[in-house]
Amino acid sequence: MENMLNFLAGWEGSAHDSRILSDALSRPRGLRISEGKYYLADVGYGIRNGYITLYHGVRYHLKEFSAHGPENAKELFNLCHSSLQITIERVLGILKKRFCVLDAEPFWNFQTQVDIVLACCIINNHIMGVDPSDLLNQGLYEEPESDLIIPNLMEQEEREEVREWFAKRDEIAQTMWTDYMARNIR
């Protein structure tokens, strides 16, 4: 079975990303992360268990690297991280292409808008399950993992977990940098 898209509709556009993510994680059947896996997240979400963000204050826009490549591990990590955001934009583009109503100026009341978004996402997930080779879906999804991380920690444990994820990000960035330098020295 293919991965399905996860959506949480019904929040106002002005709601902060981290607040929406916390809500998604706290729900009984909410968002879960496969054991040993993590999501790359926008800075607005904040680094936390299962979510690795860009390094704050380090360049990351693709156009910033056009003159010369990354100069250290943090820049390389941010470059690769931001490059992957294109995938998310593609998924949203697929939804808007498949369901033009999502790209139109809404004229329904708020609850009807929420219902329309959810209906489109459910239909999209059904299409992915019935015909994963659909041209719009090709190359976007991988097989899901079954073991899940369920966030349910006390504050002190959460702070320790955040430190661990900062260290994990540093380790990933350093490994990427070492590989990058080895490929470019030759």
N, C-alpha and C. Protein backbone atom coordinates (compact mmCIF):
# COMPACT_ATOMS: atom_id res chain seq x y z
N MET A 1 0.85 -1.19 0.00
CA MET A 1 0.00 0.00 0.00
C MET A 1 0.89 1.24 0.00
N GLU A 2 0.49 2.21 -0.74
CA GLU A 2 1.25 3.46 -0.82
C GLU A 2 1.01 4.34 0.39
N ASN A 3 1.96 5.24 0.67
CA ASN A 3 1.75 6.25 1.72
C ASN A 3 0.57 7.12 1.34
N MET A 4 -0.19 7.50 2.31
CA MET A 4 -1.30 8.40 2.09
C MET A 4 -0.90 9.78 2.59
N LEU A 5 -1.49 10.79 2.03
CA LEU A 5 -1.23 12.15 2.47
C LEU A 5 -1.97 12.40 3.78
N ASN A 6 -1.30 13.08 4.69
CA ASN A 6 -1.93 13.44 5.96
C ASN A 6 -2.31 14.91 5.91
N PHE A 7 -3.58 15.20 6.24
CA PHE A 7 -4.05 16.57 6.25
C PHE A 7 -4.81 16.84 7.53
N LEU A 8 -4.68 18.04 8.00
CA LEU A 8 -5.46 18.51 9.15
C LEU A 8 -6.10 19.81 8.70
N ALA A 9 -7.36 19.73 8.35
CA ALA A 9 -8.08 20.91 7.86
C ALA A 9 -8.90 21.52 8.99
N GLY A 10 -9.15 22.81 8.89
CA GLY A 10 -10.02 23.47 9.83
C GLY A 10 -9.34 24.56 10.64
N TRP A 11 -8.06 24.74 10.48
CA TRP A 11 -7.36 25.82 11.18
C TRP A 11 -7.39 27.08 10.32
N GLU A 12 -7.46 28.21 10.96
CA GLU A 12 -7.39 29.49 10.25
C GLU A 12 -5.99 29.65 9.67
N GLY A 13 -5.87 30.38 8.59
CA GLY A 13 -4.59 30.60 7.94
C GLY A 13 -3.57 31.31 8.80
N SER A 14 -4.02 32.02 9.82
CA SER A 14 -3.10 32.77 10.67
C SER A 14 -2.55 31.94 11.83
N ALA A 15 -3.00 30.70 11.98
CA ALA A 15 -2.53 29.85 13.07
C ALA A 15 -1.06 29.50 12.85
N HIS A 16 -0.28 29.45 13.93
CA HIS A 16 1.15 29.15 13.84
C HIS A 16 1.37 27.67 13.52
N ASP A 17 2.35 27.38 12.67
CA ASP A 17 2.64 26.01 12.24
C ASP A 17 2.82 25.05 13.42
N SER A 18 3.58 25.48 14.43
CA SER A 18 3.87 24.58 15.56
C SER A 18 2.60 24.24 16.34
N ARG A 19 1.67 25.16 16.41
CA ARG A 19 0.41 24.91 17.11
C ARG A 19 -0.43 23.88 16.36
N ILE A 20 -0.44 23.96 15.05
CA ILE A 20 -1.19 23.00 14.23
C ILE A 20 -0.54 21.62 14.35
N LEU A 21 0.79 21.57 14.29
CA LEU A 21 1.48 20.29 14.42
C LEU A 21 1.22 19.66 15.78
N SER A 22 1.28 20.45 16.84
CA SER A 22 1.00 19.93 18.18
C SER A 22 -0.41 19.35 18.25
N ASP A 23 -1.36 20.02 17.62
CA ASP A 23 -2.73 19.52 17.59
C ASP A 23 -2.79 18.19 16.84
N ALA A 24 -2.12 18.11 15.70
CA ALA A 24 -2.13 16.89 14.89
C ALA A 24 -1.51 15.72 15.66
N LEU A 25 -0.47 15.99 16.43
CA LEU A 25 0.21 14.93 17.19
C LEU A 25 -0.58 14.50 18.43
N SER A 26 -1.37 15.41 18.98
CA SER A 26 -2.07 15.12 20.23
C SER A 26 -3.39 14.37 20.03
N ARG A 27 -3.87 14.31 18.84
CA ARG A 27 -5.16 13.65 18.59
C ARG A 27 -5.00 12.13 18.74
N PRO A 28 -6.05 11.45 19.23
CA PRO A 28 -5.97 9.99 19.44
C PRO A 28 -5.54 9.21 18.19
N ARG A 29 -6.02 9.59 17.04
CA ARG A 29 -5.61 8.93 15.79
C ARG A 29 -4.82 9.91 14.93
N GLY A 30 -4.04 10.74 15.58
CA GLY A 30 -3.32 11.81 14.90
C GLY A 30 -2.06 11.34 14.19
N LEU A 31 -1.29 12.30 13.78
CA LEU A 31 -0.07 12.07 13.02
C LEU A 31 0.93 11.26 13.84
N ARG A 32 1.50 10.22 13.26
CA ARG A 32 2.50 9.39 13.91
C ARG A 32 3.72 9.26 13.01
N ILE A 33 4.86 9.05 13.64
CA ILE A 33 6.12 8.94 12.91
C ILE A 33 6.64 7.53 13.04
N SER A 34 7.04 6.93 11.94
CA SER A 34 7.58 5.57 11.96
C SER A 34 8.85 5.53 12.79
N GLU A 35 9.02 4.48 13.58
CA GLU A 35 10.19 4.31 14.43
C GLU A 35 11.46 4.40 13.59
N GLY A 36 12.42 5.18 14.06
CA GLY A 36 13.69 5.34 13.36
C GLY A 36 13.64 6.30 12.18
N LYS A 37 12.51 6.90 11.94
CA LYS A 37 12.34 7.83 10.82
C LYS A 37 12.10 9.23 11.37
N TYR A 38 12.12 10.21 10.47
CA TYR A 38 11.84 11.58 10.86
C TYR A 38 11.35 12.34 9.64
N TYR A 39 10.70 13.46 9.92
CA TYR A 39 10.26 14.36 8.87
C TYR A 39 11.19 15.57 8.85
N LEU A 40 11.44 16.08 7.66
CA LEU A 40 12.12 17.36 7.52
C LEU A 40 11.04 18.42 7.60
N ALA A 41 11.21 19.36 8.51
CA ALA A 41 10.15 20.33 8.76
C ALA A 41 10.65 21.75 8.57
N ASP A 42 9.73 22.62 8.24
CA ASP A 42 10.00 24.04 8.13
C ASP A 42 10.38 24.58 9.50
N VAL A 43 11.15 25.66 9.53
CA VAL A 43 11.60 26.25 10.79
C VAL A 43 10.42 26.60 11.70
N GLY A 44 9.28 26.94 11.13
CA GLY A 44 8.11 27.30 11.91
C GLY A 44 7.63 26.20 12.83
N TYR A 45 7.95 24.95 12.52
CA TYR A 45 7.53 23.84 13.35
C TYR A 45 8.42 23.63 14.57
N GLY A 46 9.65 24.06 14.48
CA GLY A 46 10.59 23.85 15.58
C GLY A 46 11.08 22.41 15.60
N ILE A 47 12.34 22.24 15.98
CA ILE A 47 12.90 20.90 16.06
C ILE A 47 12.29 20.18 17.26
N ARG A 48 11.90 18.94 17.06
CA ARG A 48 11.27 18.13 18.11
C ARG A 48 11.38 16.68 17.71
N ASN A 49 10.93 15.80 18.56
CA ASN A 49 11.00 14.37 18.30
C ASN A 49 10.40 14.04 16.93
N GLY A 50 11.22 13.52 16.05
CA GLY A 50 10.74 13.12 14.74
C GLY A 50 10.71 14.21 13.68
N TYR A 51 11.12 15.44 14.04
CA TYR A 51 11.08 16.56 13.10
C TYR A 51 12.41 17.29 13.14
N ILE A 52 13.05 17.39 11.99
CA ILE A 52 14.33 18.09 11.90
C ILE A 52 14.15 19.31 11.00
N THR A 53 14.53 20.45 11.54
CA THR A 53 14.37 21.72 10.82
C THR A 53 15.70 22.18 10.24
N LEU A 54 15.62 23.22 9.42
CA LEU A 54 16.81 23.89 8.92
C LEU A 54 17.61 24.47 10.08
N TYR A 55 18.90 24.72 9.84
CA TYR A 55 19.68 25.49 10.80
C TYR A 55 19.24 26.94 10.68
N HIS A 56 18.88 27.53 11.81
CA HIS A 56 18.41 28.91 11.83
C HIS A 56 19.59 29.86 11.61
N GLY A 57 19.41 30.87 10.77
CA GLY A 57 20.45 31.87 10.52
C GLY A 57 21.54 31.42 9.57
N VAL A 58 21.34 30.30 8.89
CA VAL A 58 22.31 29.77 7.92
C VAL A 58 21.64 29.78 6.56
N ARG A 59 22.34 30.24 5.54
CA ARG A 59 21.71 30.36 4.22
C ARG A 59 21.16 29.02 3.74
N TYR A 60 20.06 29.09 3.01
CA TYR A 60 19.43 27.86 2.53
C TYR A 60 18.72 28.00 1.20
N HIS A 61 18.43 29.21 0.75
CA HIS A 61 17.74 29.37 -0.53
C HIS A 61 18.65 28.91 -1.67
N LEU A 62 18.06 28.16 -2.60
CA LEU A 62 18.84 27.63 -3.72
C LEU A 62 19.58 28.72 -4.47
N LYS A 63 18.95 29.88 -4.65
CA LYS A 63 19.59 30.95 -5.41
C LYS A 63 20.82 31.50 -4.69
N GLU A 64 20.89 31.34 -3.36
CA GLU A 64 22.05 31.81 -2.61
C GLU A 64 23.30 30.97 -2.91
N PHE A 65 23.11 29.78 -3.47
CA PHE A 65 24.22 28.90 -3.75
C PHE A 65 24.61 28.92 -5.22
N SER A 66 23.99 29.78 -6.03
CA SER A 66 24.27 29.78 -7.47
C SER A 66 25.69 30.22 -7.78
N ALA A 67 26.23 31.16 -7.05
CA ALA A 67 27.60 31.65 -7.31
C ALA A 67 28.65 30.65 -6.85
N HIS A 68 28.46 30.09 -5.68
CA HIS A 68 29.37 29.06 -5.17
C HIS A 68 28.61 28.15 -4.22
N GLY A 69 29.10 26.91 -4.09
CA GLY A 69 28.41 25.90 -3.29
C GLY A 69 28.48 26.16 -1.80
N PRO A 70 27.97 25.21 -1.04
CA PRO A 70 27.99 25.34 0.42
C PRO A 70 29.41 25.36 0.94
N GLU A 71 29.62 26.10 2.03
CA GLU A 71 30.95 26.27 2.60
C GLU A 71 31.16 25.47 3.88
N ASN A 72 30.10 24.87 4.42
CA ASN A 72 30.25 24.07 5.62
C ASN A 72 29.08 23.09 5.73
N ALA A 73 29.12 22.25 6.77
CA ALA A 73 28.12 21.20 6.94
C ALA A 73 26.71 21.77 7.10
N LYS A 74 26.58 22.86 7.84
CA LYS A 74 25.25 23.43 8.07
C LYS A 74 24.66 23.97 6.79
N GLU A 75 25.46 24.63 5.97
CA GLU A 75 24.95 25.15 4.70
C GLU A 75 24.55 24.00 3.76
N LEU A 76 25.35 22.95 3.73
CA LEU A 76 25.01 21.80 2.88
C LEU A 76 23.71 21.17 3.34
N PHE A 77 23.56 20.99 4.66
CA PHE A 77 22.33 20.42 5.19
C PHE A 77 21.14 21.28 4.80
N ASN A 78 21.25 22.59 4.99
CA ASN A 78 20.13 23.49 4.65
C ASN A 78 19.82 23.46 3.16
N LEU A 79 20.85 23.38 2.32
CA LEU A 79 20.65 23.31 0.88
C LEU A 79 19.86 22.05 0.52
N CYS A 80 20.27 20.91 1.04
CA CYS A 80 19.58 19.66 0.74
C CYS A 80 18.17 19.65 1.32
N HIS A 81 18.03 20.14 2.53
CA HIS A 81 16.73 20.21 3.20
C HIS A 81 15.75 21.05 2.37
N SER A 82 16.19 22.23 1.98
CA SER A 82 15.28 23.11 1.23
C SER A 82 14.98 22.56 -0.17
N SER A 83 15.92 21.81 -0.74
CA SER A 83 15.68 21.20 -2.04
C SER A 83 14.53 20.20 -1.98
N LEU A 84 14.38 19.55 -0.83
CA LEU A 84 13.32 18.56 -0.68
C LEU A 84 11.94 19.18 -0.51
N GLN A 85 11.89 20.47 -0.19
CA GLN A 85 10.59 21.13 -0.06
C GLN A 85 9.85 21.17 -1.39
N ILE A 86 10.57 20.99 -2.47
CA ILE A 86 9.95 20.95 -3.80
C ILE A 86 8.95 19.79 -3.88
N THR A 87 9.26 18.68 -3.19
CA THR A 87 8.37 17.53 -3.19
C THR A 87 7.02 17.89 -2.57
N ILE A 88 7.07 18.61 -1.46
CA ILE A 88 5.83 19.03 -0.80
C ILE A 88 5.04 19.94 -1.72
N GLU A 89 5.73 20.87 -2.37
CA GLU A 89 5.06 21.77 -3.30
C GLU A 89 4.45 21.00 -4.46
N ARG A 90 5.12 19.94 -4.92
CA ARG A 90 4.57 19.11 -5.99
C ARG A 90 3.29 18.42 -5.55
N VAL A 91 3.28 17.90 -4.32
CA VAL A 91 2.07 17.22 -3.83
C VAL A 91 0.90 18.19 -3.79
N LEU A 92 1.14 19.40 -3.28
CA LEU A 92 0.07 20.39 -3.26
C LEU A 92 -0.35 20.77 -4.68
N GLY A 93 0.60 20.84 -5.57
CA GLY A 93 0.30 21.12 -6.98
C GLY A 93 -0.55 20.04 -7.60
N ILE A 94 -0.26 18.77 -7.26
CA ILE A 94 -1.06 17.65 -7.76
C ILE A 94 -2.50 17.77 -7.27
N LEU A 95 -2.66 18.07 -6.00
CA LEU A 95 -4.01 18.23 -5.46
C LEU A 95 -4.76 19.34 -6.18
N LYS A 96 -4.10 20.47 -6.37
CA LYS A 96 -4.76 21.60 -7.03
C LYS A 96 -5.05 21.30 -8.50
N LYS A 97 -4.19 20.51 -9.13
CA LYS A 97 -4.42 20.15 -10.52
C LYS A 97 -5.56 19.15 -10.63
N ARG A 98 -5.60 18.22 -9.72
CA ARG A 98 -6.64 17.20 -9.73
C ARG A 98 -7.99 17.78 -9.31
N PHE A 99 -7.98 18.71 -8.37
CA PHE A 99 -9.21 19.29 -7.82
C PHE A 99 -9.13 20.81 -7.93
N CYS A 100 -9.55 21.33 -9.04
CA CYS A 100 -9.45 22.77 -9.32
C CYS A 100 -10.17 23.62 -8.28
N VAL A 101 -11.13 23.04 -7.59
CA VAL A 101 -11.87 23.79 -6.57
C VAL A 101 -10.92 24.26 -5.46
N LEU A 102 -9.81 23.56 -5.24
CA LEU A 102 -8.85 23.95 -4.20
C LEU A 102 -8.07 25.20 -4.57
N ASP A 103 -8.03 25.51 -5.84
CA ASP A 103 -7.27 26.66 -6.30
C ASP A 103 -8.16 27.87 -6.58
N ALA A 104 -9.46 27.68 -6.38
CA ALA A 104 -10.42 28.75 -6.69
C ALA A 104 -10.66 29.62 -5.46
N GLU A 105 -11.14 30.81 -5.71
CA GLU A 105 -11.53 31.72 -4.63
C GLU A 105 -12.74 31.12 -3.91
N PRO A 106 -12.63 30.84 -2.61
CA PRO A 106 -13.75 30.19 -1.91
C PRO A 106 -14.93 31.15 -1.72
N PHE A 107 -16.11 30.63 -1.93
CA PHE A 107 -17.30 31.44 -1.70
C PHE A 107 -18.25 30.74 -0.75
N TRP A 108 -17.82 29.57 -0.20
CA TRP A 108 -18.62 28.84 0.77
C TRP A 108 -18.25 29.29 2.17
N ASN A 109 -19.08 28.92 3.13
CA ASN A 109 -18.75 29.22 4.51
C ASN A 109 -17.55 28.38 4.94
N PHE A 110 -16.97 28.74 6.07
CA PHE A 110 -15.71 28.11 6.50
C PHE A 110 -15.84 26.60 6.66
N GLN A 111 -16.89 26.11 7.30
CA GLN A 111 -17.04 24.67 7.52
C GLN A 111 -17.16 23.92 6.19
N THR A 112 -17.85 24.49 5.23
CA THR A 112 -17.97 23.86 3.92
C THR A 112 -16.60 23.81 3.23
N GLN A 113 -15.81 24.87 3.38
CA GLN A 113 -14.44 24.86 2.82
C GLN A 113 -13.62 23.73 3.43
N VAL A 114 -13.71 23.57 4.76
CA VAL A 114 -12.98 22.49 5.44
C VAL A 114 -13.42 21.14 4.89
N ASP A 115 -14.73 20.95 4.75
CA ASP A 115 -15.26 19.69 4.24
C ASP A 115 -14.78 19.40 2.81
N ILE A 116 -14.70 20.43 1.99
CA ILE A 116 -14.24 20.27 0.61
C ILE A 116 -12.78 19.84 0.58
N VAL A 117 -11.95 20.49 1.39
CA VAL A 117 -10.53 20.12 1.44
C VAL A 117 -10.40 18.66 1.87
N LEU A 118 -11.11 18.28 2.93
CA LEU A 118 -11.03 16.90 3.41
C LEU A 118 -11.54 15.91 2.36
N ALA A 119 -12.63 16.24 1.70
CA ALA A 119 -13.18 15.35 0.66
C ALA A 119 -12.17 15.16 -0.47
N CYS A 120 -11.54 16.24 -0.90
CA CYS A 120 -10.54 16.15 -1.97
C CYS A 120 -9.35 15.27 -1.53
N CYS A 121 -8.92 15.43 -0.29
CA CYS A 121 -7.79 14.63 0.21
C CYS A 121 -8.16 13.16 0.33
N ILE A 122 -9.39 12.87 0.77
CA ILE A 122 -9.85 11.48 0.87
C ILE A 122 -9.92 10.85 -0.52
N ILE A 123 -10.47 11.57 -1.46
CA ILE A 123 -10.56 11.05 -2.84
C ILE A 123 -9.15 10.85 -3.40
N ASN A 124 -8.25 11.81 -3.16
CA ASN A 124 -6.87 11.67 -3.63
C ASN A 124 -6.23 10.41 -3.05
N ASN A 125 -6.38 10.19 -1.74
CA ASN A 125 -5.81 9.01 -1.11
C ASN A 125 -6.42 7.73 -1.67
N HIS A 126 -7.72 7.76 -1.97
CA HIS A 126 -8.37 6.61 -2.58
C HIS A 126 -7.77 6.33 -3.96
N ILE A 127 -7.60 7.35 -4.74
CA ILE A 127 -6.99 7.19 -6.07
C ILE A 127 -5.60 6.58 -5.93
N MET A 128 -4.84 7.06 -4.96
CA MET A 128 -3.49 6.52 -4.75
C MET A 128 -3.53 5.04 -4.37
N GLY A 129 -4.54 4.64 -3.59
CA GLY A 129 -4.67 3.24 -3.20
C GLY A 129 -5.15 2.36 -4.33
N VAL A 130 -6.04 2.88 -5.18
CA VAL A 130 -6.60 2.11 -6.29
C VAL A 130 -5.63 2.08 -7.47
N ASP A 131 -5.01 3.21 -7.78
CA ASP A 131 -4.13 3.30 -8.94
C ASP A 131 -2.87 4.09 -8.60
N PRO A 132 -1.94 3.45 -7.85
CA PRO A 132 -0.71 4.16 -7.47
C PRO A 132 0.15 4.54 -8.67
N SER A 133 -0.11 3.93 -9.83
CA SER A 133 0.68 4.27 -11.01
C SER A 133 0.09 5.45 -11.77
N ASP A 134 -0.98 6.03 -11.23
CA ASP A 134 -1.57 7.23 -11.83
C ASP A 134 -0.45 8.23 -12.14
N LEU A 135 -0.49 8.81 -13.32
CA LEU A 135 0.59 9.69 -13.76
C LEU A 135 0.88 10.82 -12.78
N LEU A 136 -0.15 11.34 -12.11
CA LEU A 136 0.08 12.43 -11.17
C LEU A 136 0.84 11.96 -9.92
N ASN A 137 0.73 10.66 -9.60
CA ASN A 137 1.33 10.15 -8.37
C ASN A 137 2.76 9.62 -8.54
N GLN A 138 3.19 9.34 -9.73
CA GLN A 138 4.44 8.62 -9.94
C GLN A 138 5.62 9.27 -9.23
N GLY A 139 6.36 8.43 -8.50
CA GLY A 139 7.61 8.85 -7.89
C GLY A 139 7.49 9.70 -6.64
N LEU A 140 6.32 9.84 -6.05
CA LEU A 140 6.20 10.71 -4.89
C LEU A 140 6.23 9.98 -3.55
N TYR A 141 5.92 8.69 -3.54
CA TYR A 141 5.68 8.04 -2.26
C TYR A 141 6.50 6.77 -2.09
N GLU A 142 6.78 6.42 -0.82
CA GLU A 142 7.49 5.19 -0.47
C GLU A 142 6.59 4.33 0.39
N GLU A 143 7.05 3.08 0.66
CA GLU A 143 6.29 2.17 1.52
C GLU A 143 6.27 2.68 2.95
N PRO A 144 5.16 2.55 3.65
CA PRO A 144 5.08 2.98 5.05
C PRO A 144 5.75 2.00 6.00
N GLU A 145 6.15 2.48 7.15
CA GLU A 145 6.68 1.65 8.24
C GLU A 145 5.54 1.41 9.21
N SER A 146 5.59 0.30 9.95
CA SER A 146 4.49 0.01 10.86
C SER A 146 4.74 0.47 12.29
N ASP A 147 5.99 0.45 12.77
CA ASP A 147 6.26 0.86 14.14
C ASP A 147 6.15 2.38 14.24
N LEU A 148 5.45 2.88 15.23
CA LEU A 148 5.19 4.31 15.35
C LEU A 148 5.76 4.87 16.63
N ILE A 149 6.20 6.13 16.56
CA ILE A 149 6.61 6.89 17.73
C ILE A 149 5.37 7.64 18.19
N ILE A 150 4.96 7.47 19.42
CA ILE A 150 3.79 8.17 19.93
C ILE A 150 4.27 9.18 20.96
N PRO A 151 4.15 10.48 20.65
CA PRO A 151 4.64 11.50 21.58
C PRO A 151 3.76 11.59 22.83
N ASN A 152 4.36 11.34 23.98
CA ASN A 152 3.64 11.43 25.24
C ASN A 152 4.67 11.54 26.35
N LEU A 153 5.37 12.68 26.42
CA LEU A 153 6.47 12.84 27.35
C LEU A 153 6.26 14.02 28.27
N MET A 154 6.94 13.99 29.40
CA MET A 154 6.92 15.11 30.31
C MET A 154 7.88 16.18 29.81
N GLU A 155 7.77 17.39 30.36
CA GLU A 155 8.56 18.53 29.88
C GLU A 155 10.06 18.27 29.87
N GLN A 156 10.61 17.74 30.96
CA GLN A 156 12.05 17.49 31.03
C GLN A 156 12.48 16.48 29.97
N GLU A 157 11.69 15.43 29.79
CA GLU A 157 11.99 14.45 28.75
C GLU A 157 11.92 15.09 27.37
N GLU A 158 10.96 16.00 27.18
CA GLU A 158 10.83 16.68 25.89
C GLU A 158 12.06 17.53 25.59
N ARG A 159 12.56 18.26 26.61
CA ARG A 159 13.77 19.07 26.41
C ARG A 159 14.96 18.20 26.05
N GLU A 160 15.09 17.06 26.71
CA GLU A 160 16.18 16.14 26.41
C GLU A 160 16.04 15.59 24.99
N GLU A 161 14.82 15.29 24.61
CA GLU A 161 14.56 14.80 23.27
C GLU A 161 14.94 15.84 22.22
N VAL A 162 14.61 17.11 22.47
CA VAL A 162 14.97 18.18 21.55
C VAL A 162 16.48 18.25 21.40
N ARG A 163 17.20 18.16 22.51
CA ARG A 163 18.68 18.17 22.43
C ARG A 163 19.18 17.00 21.59
N GLU A 164 18.56 15.84 21.76
CA GLU A 164 18.95 14.67 20.95
C GLU A 164 18.71 14.92 19.47
N TRP A 165 17.61 15.58 19.12
CA TRP A 165 17.31 15.85 17.72
C TRP A 165 18.25 16.91 17.14
N PHE A 166 18.65 17.89 17.96
CA PHE A 166 19.67 18.83 17.51
C PHE A 166 20.95 18.08 17.20
N ALA A 167 21.35 17.15 18.07
CA ALA A 167 22.57 16.35 17.86
C ALA A 167 22.43 15.47 16.62
N LYS A 168 21.25 14.89 16.43
CA LYS A 168 21.02 14.05 15.25
C LYS A 168 21.16 14.88 13.98
N ARG A 169 20.60 16.09 13.98
CA ARG A 169 20.72 16.97 12.82
C ARG A 169 22.19 17.29 12.56
N ASP A 170 22.95 17.60 13.63
CA ASP A 170 24.38 17.89 13.48
C ASP A 170 25.13 16.69 12.91
N GLU A 171 24.78 15.50 13.38
CA GLU A 171 25.43 14.28 12.89
C GLU A 171 25.13 14.06 11.41
N ILE A 172 23.88 14.24 11.01
CA ILE A 172 23.49 14.09 9.61
C ILE A 172 24.23 15.13 8.76
N ALA A 173 24.25 16.37 9.23
CA ALA A 173 24.92 17.44 8.48
C ALA A 173 26.40 17.15 8.32
N GLN A 174 27.06 16.67 9.37
CA GLN A 174 28.49 16.38 9.30
C GLN A 174 28.78 15.22 8.36
N THR A 175 27.95 14.20 8.38
CA THR A 175 28.12 13.06 7.46
C THR A 175 27.95 13.52 6.02
N MET A 176 26.93 14.35 5.78
CA MET A 176 26.71 14.88 4.43
C MET A 176 27.92 15.70 3.98
N TRP A 177 28.45 16.53 4.88
CA TRP A 177 29.58 17.39 4.55
C TRP A 177 30.82 16.56 4.24
N THR A 178 31.08 15.52 5.02
CA THR A 178 32.24 14.66 4.79
C THR A 178 32.13 14.00 3.41
N ASP A 179 30.95 13.49 3.09
CA ASP A 179 30.73 12.87 1.77
C ASP A 179 30.90 13.91 0.65
N TYR A 180 30.34 15.09 0.85
CA TYR A 180 30.41 16.16 -0.13
C TYR A 180 31.86 16.55 -0.40
N MET A 181 32.63 16.73 0.67
CA MET A 181 34.04 17.12 0.52
C MET A 181 34.84 16.01 -0.16
N ALA A 182 34.57 14.75 0.16
CA ALA A 182 35.28 13.63 -0.46
C ALA A 182 35.00 13.57 -1.96
N ARG A 183 33.76 13.85 -2.36
CA ARG A 183 33.40 13.83 -3.79
C ARG A 183 34.02 15.01 -4.54
N ASN A 184 34.18 16.15 -3.88
CA ASN A 184 34.64 17.36 -4.56
C ASN A 184 36.14 17.59 -4.49
N ILE A 185 36.86 16.78 -3.74
CA ILE A 185 38.31 16.92 -3.67
C ILE A 185 38.97 16.23 -4.86
N ARG A 186 38.34 15.21 -5.37
CA ARG A 186 38.91 14.42 -6.47
C ARG A 186 39.02 15.21 -7.73
